[in-house]
Amino acid sequence: MNVLRKRRPRAHEARPQGQRPSRVAKKKSVSNVNPDLFTKKAIPLEASVYKPTRTITDLPIDPFIKGNLTRKGYKNPTEIQEHAIQPILDGRNVMGIAQTGTGKTGAFLIPIINKLLKTSPAFQVLIVVPTRELAVQVEEEFKSMAKGTGLSSLCFIGGTSVRRDLSLLR
């Protein structure tokens, strides 16, 4: 049995008058919710400018280190250095957080080098850092700060020859 069905007109096709569209368009509702209630505006922090309270020559460290730091161009300790050097010299544990380029390496190396020079018999230090680049940077800074003191350092990086590293240690 073949039944002929009448095709429905598509939405874009003209409809004969009096015919209603098959689907009634839904009325769009407008929200009364204020989106500002769900967002938190950023409030700019006041930028504080650090003013050092002392110079490198005022630090209670070995004169050799002071001379090396002065030759490197250090005049005043940075904020992280001023807050960390004295507690480390006093033997306290310090955790410091600061932006890149603020002197964190110097903050821990200066007291370490000072301790290495003042302690008899000499002791050894192991500094562990997360990247090759930082390991090389720390070693270079150590060598420049400890220049002329007789202290030495070695940089060992994972993935290199262990035989070579052991040879350097001997």
Protein backbone atom coordinates (compact mmCIF):
# COMPACT_ATOMS: atom_id res chain seq x y z
CA MET A 1 0.00 0.00 0.00
CA ASN A 2 1.52 3.22 -1.15
CA VAL A 3 0.53 6.29 0.74
CA LEU A 4 1.44 9.63 -0.56
CA ARG A 5 2.54 11.91 2.16
CA LYS A 6 2.63 15.57 1.81
CA ARG A 7 6.09 16.97 2.42
CA ARG A 8 6.36 19.60 5.14
CA PRO A 9 7.68 22.93 3.97
CA ARG A 10 11.14 23.75 5.25
CA ALA A 11 11.70 26.76 7.46
CA HIS A 12 13.15 28.83 4.63
CA GLU A 13 10.37 27.96 2.19
CA ALA A 14 7.26 30.09 1.95
CA ARG A 15 4.19 28.69 3.72
CA PRO A 16 0.68 29.13 2.58
CA GLN A 17 -1.20 31.63 4.71
CA GLY A 18 -2.95 30.29 7.71
CA GLN A 19 -0.52 27.46 8.31
CA ARG A 20 1.45 27.51 11.50
CA PRO A 21 5.06 26.44 11.60
CA SER A 22 5.50 22.93 12.88
CA ARG A 23 7.79 24.04 15.66
CA VAL A 24 7.08 26.99 17.82
CA ALA A 25 10.16 29.13 18.40
CA LYS A 26 11.12 29.21 22.06
CA LYS A 27 11.19 32.55 23.71
CA LYS A 28 14.74 33.48 24.81
CA SER A 29 14.90 34.37 28.47
CA VAL A 30 17.14 37.13 29.67
CA SER A 31 19.11 36.36 32.83
CA ASN A 32 18.75 38.67 35.78
CA VAL A 33 22.03 37.39 37.31
CA ASN A 34 24.75 40.00 37.66
CA PRO A 35 28.04 38.41 36.41
CA ASP A 36 30.05 40.86 38.53
CA LEU A 37 28.95 38.86 41.55
CA PHE A 38 31.04 35.92 40.30
CA THR A 39 34.22 37.72 39.31
CA LYS A 40 36.90 39.15 41.51
CA LYS A 41 38.63 42.20 40.15
CA ALA A 42 42.43 42.23 40.31
CA ILE A 43 43.76 44.73 42.80
CA PRO A 44 47.25 45.93 41.93
CA LEU A 45 49.75 45.48 44.73
CA GLU A 46 51.76 48.43 45.81
CA ALA A 47 55.29 48.02 44.54
CA SER A 48 57.68 48.32 47.44
CA VAL A 49 61.16 49.53 46.68
CA TYR A 50 63.82 47.82 48.77
CA LYS A 51 66.33 50.11 50.44
CA PRO A 52 69.40 48.29 51.80
CA THR A 53 70.37 49.05 55.38
CA ARG A 54 74.05 48.15 55.00
CA THR A 55 76.81 47.66 52.46
CA ILE A 56 78.75 44.54 51.51
CA THR A 57 81.69 45.80 53.58
CA ASP A 58 79.40 45.87 56.66
CA LEU A 59 78.70 42.13 56.45
CA PRO A 60 80.40 39.99 59.13
CA ILE A 61 82.29 37.89 56.57
CA ASP A 62 85.91 37.20 55.69
CA PRO A 63 87.76 40.15 54.08
CA PHE A 64 88.72 37.93 51.10
CA ILE A 65 85.03 37.43 50.30
CA LYS A 66 84.31 41.15 50.74
CA GLY A 67 87.13 41.96 48.30
CA ASN A 68 85.87 39.48 45.71
CA LEU A 69 82.31 40.77 46.03
CA THR A 70 83.48 44.36 45.68
CA ARG A 71 85.50 43.47 42.55
CA LYS A 72 82.37 41.79 41.14
CA GLY A 73 80.53 45.09 41.56
CA TYR A 74 78.52 44.33 44.69
CA LYS A 75 77.85 47.46 46.76
CA ASN A 76 74.84 46.50 48.84
CA PRO A 77 73.28 43.15 49.57
CA THR A 78 69.98 42.50 47.82
CA GLU A 79 66.84 42.04 49.92
CA ILE A 80 67.07 38.23 49.97
CA GLN A 81 70.77 38.44 50.85
CA GLU A 82 70.21 40.91 53.66
CA HIS A 83 67.53 38.69 55.18
CA ALA A 84 69.32 35.34 54.66
CA ILE A 85 73.06 35.83 55.15
CA GLN A 86 73.07 36.59 58.89
CA PRO A 87 70.73 33.73 59.90
CA ILE A 88 72.80 31.29 57.81
CA LEU A 89 76.01 32.61 59.40
CA ASP A 90 74.34 32.00 62.79
CA GLY A 91 73.75 28.36 61.79
CA ARG A 92 69.99 28.64 61.36
CA ASN A 93 67.99 27.01 58.57
CA VAL A 94 66.57 29.42 56.02
CA MET A 95 64.04 29.01 53.25
CA GLY A 96 64.02 31.95 50.86
CA ILE A 97 61.68 32.72 48.00
CA ALA A 98 62.51 35.49 45.56
CA GLN A 99 62.27 36.35 41.88
CA THR A 100 64.90 35.36 39.34
CA GLY A 101 67.91 37.66 39.38
CA THR A 102 67.51 38.85 42.97
CA GLY A 103 70.69 37.29 44.37
CA LYS A 104 69.50 34.00 45.87
CA THR A 105 72.72 32.23 44.83
CA GLY A 106 74.82 34.81 46.66
CA ALA A 107 72.47 34.61 49.64
CA PHE A 108 73.53 31.03 50.35
CA LEU A 109 77.04 30.98 48.83
CA ILE A 110 78.43 33.93 50.80
CA PRO A 111 77.80 32.31 54.21
CA ILE A 112 78.88 28.88 52.92
CA ILE A 113 82.20 30.23 51.65
CA ASN A 114 82.68 32.14 54.90
CA LYS A 115 82.05 28.95 56.90
CA LEU A 116 84.46 26.98 54.69
CA LEU A 117 87.19 29.58 55.39
CA LYS A 118 86.56 29.81 59.15
CA THR A 119 86.15 26.12 59.97
CA SER A 120 89.11 23.97 60.82
CA PRO A 121 89.46 21.22 59.74
CA ALA A 122 87.85 22.10 56.44
CA PHE A 123 84.51 20.54 55.67
CA GLN A 124 82.72 19.80 52.40
CA VAL A 125 79.47 21.12 51.02
CA LEU A 126 77.04 19.51 48.61
CA ILE A 127 74.70 21.84 46.76
CA VAL A 128 71.90 20.16 44.81
CA VAL A 129 70.03 22.13 42.16
CA PRO A 130 67.31 21.08 39.69
CA THR A 131 68.87 22.03 36.34
CA ARG A 132 72.20 21.84 34.52
CA GLU A 133 72.17 25.56 33.85
CA LEU A 134 71.72 26.39 37.52
CA ALA A 135 74.45 23.92 38.52
CA VAL A 136 76.91 25.62 36.17
CA GLN A 137 75.81 29.07 37.38
CA VAL A 138 76.28 28.13 41.05
CA GLU A 139 79.75 26.74 40.35
CA GLU A 140 80.79 29.87 38.42
CA GLU A 141 79.52 32.12 41.22
CA PHE A 142 81.30 30.01 43.84
CA LYS A 143 84.59 30.29 41.95
CA SER A 144 84.28 34.05 41.53
CA MET A 145 83.34 34.63 45.19
CA ALA A 146 86.01 32.26 46.55
CA LYS A 147 88.79 33.42 44.20
CA GLY A 148 92.17 33.47 45.94
CA THR A 149 90.96 31.61 49.02
CA GLY A 150 92.25 28.17 48.06
CA LEU A 151 88.73 26.72 47.98
CA SER A 152 87.73 24.60 45.02
CA SER A 153 84.47 23.32 43.57
CA LEU A 154 83.32 20.70 41.11
CA CYS A 155 80.09 20.49 39.15
CA PHE A 156 78.56 17.05 38.60
CA ILE A 157 75.63 16.71 36.25
CA GLY A 158 73.49 13.63 35.67
CA GLY A 159 73.91 11.82 32.38
CA THR A 160 77.66 12.46 32.16
CA SER A 161 80.55 10.07 32.67
CA VAL A 162 80.64 8.82 36.26
CA ARG A 163 84.23 7.62 35.68
CA ARG A 164 85.23 11.20 34.80
CA ASP A 165 83.40 12.57 37.85
CA LEU A 166 85.18 10.11 40.17
CA SER A 167 88.51 11.01 38.59
CA LEU A 168 87.83 14.72 39.25
CA LEU A 169 86.93 13.95 42.89
CA ARG A 170 90.19 12.10 43.47
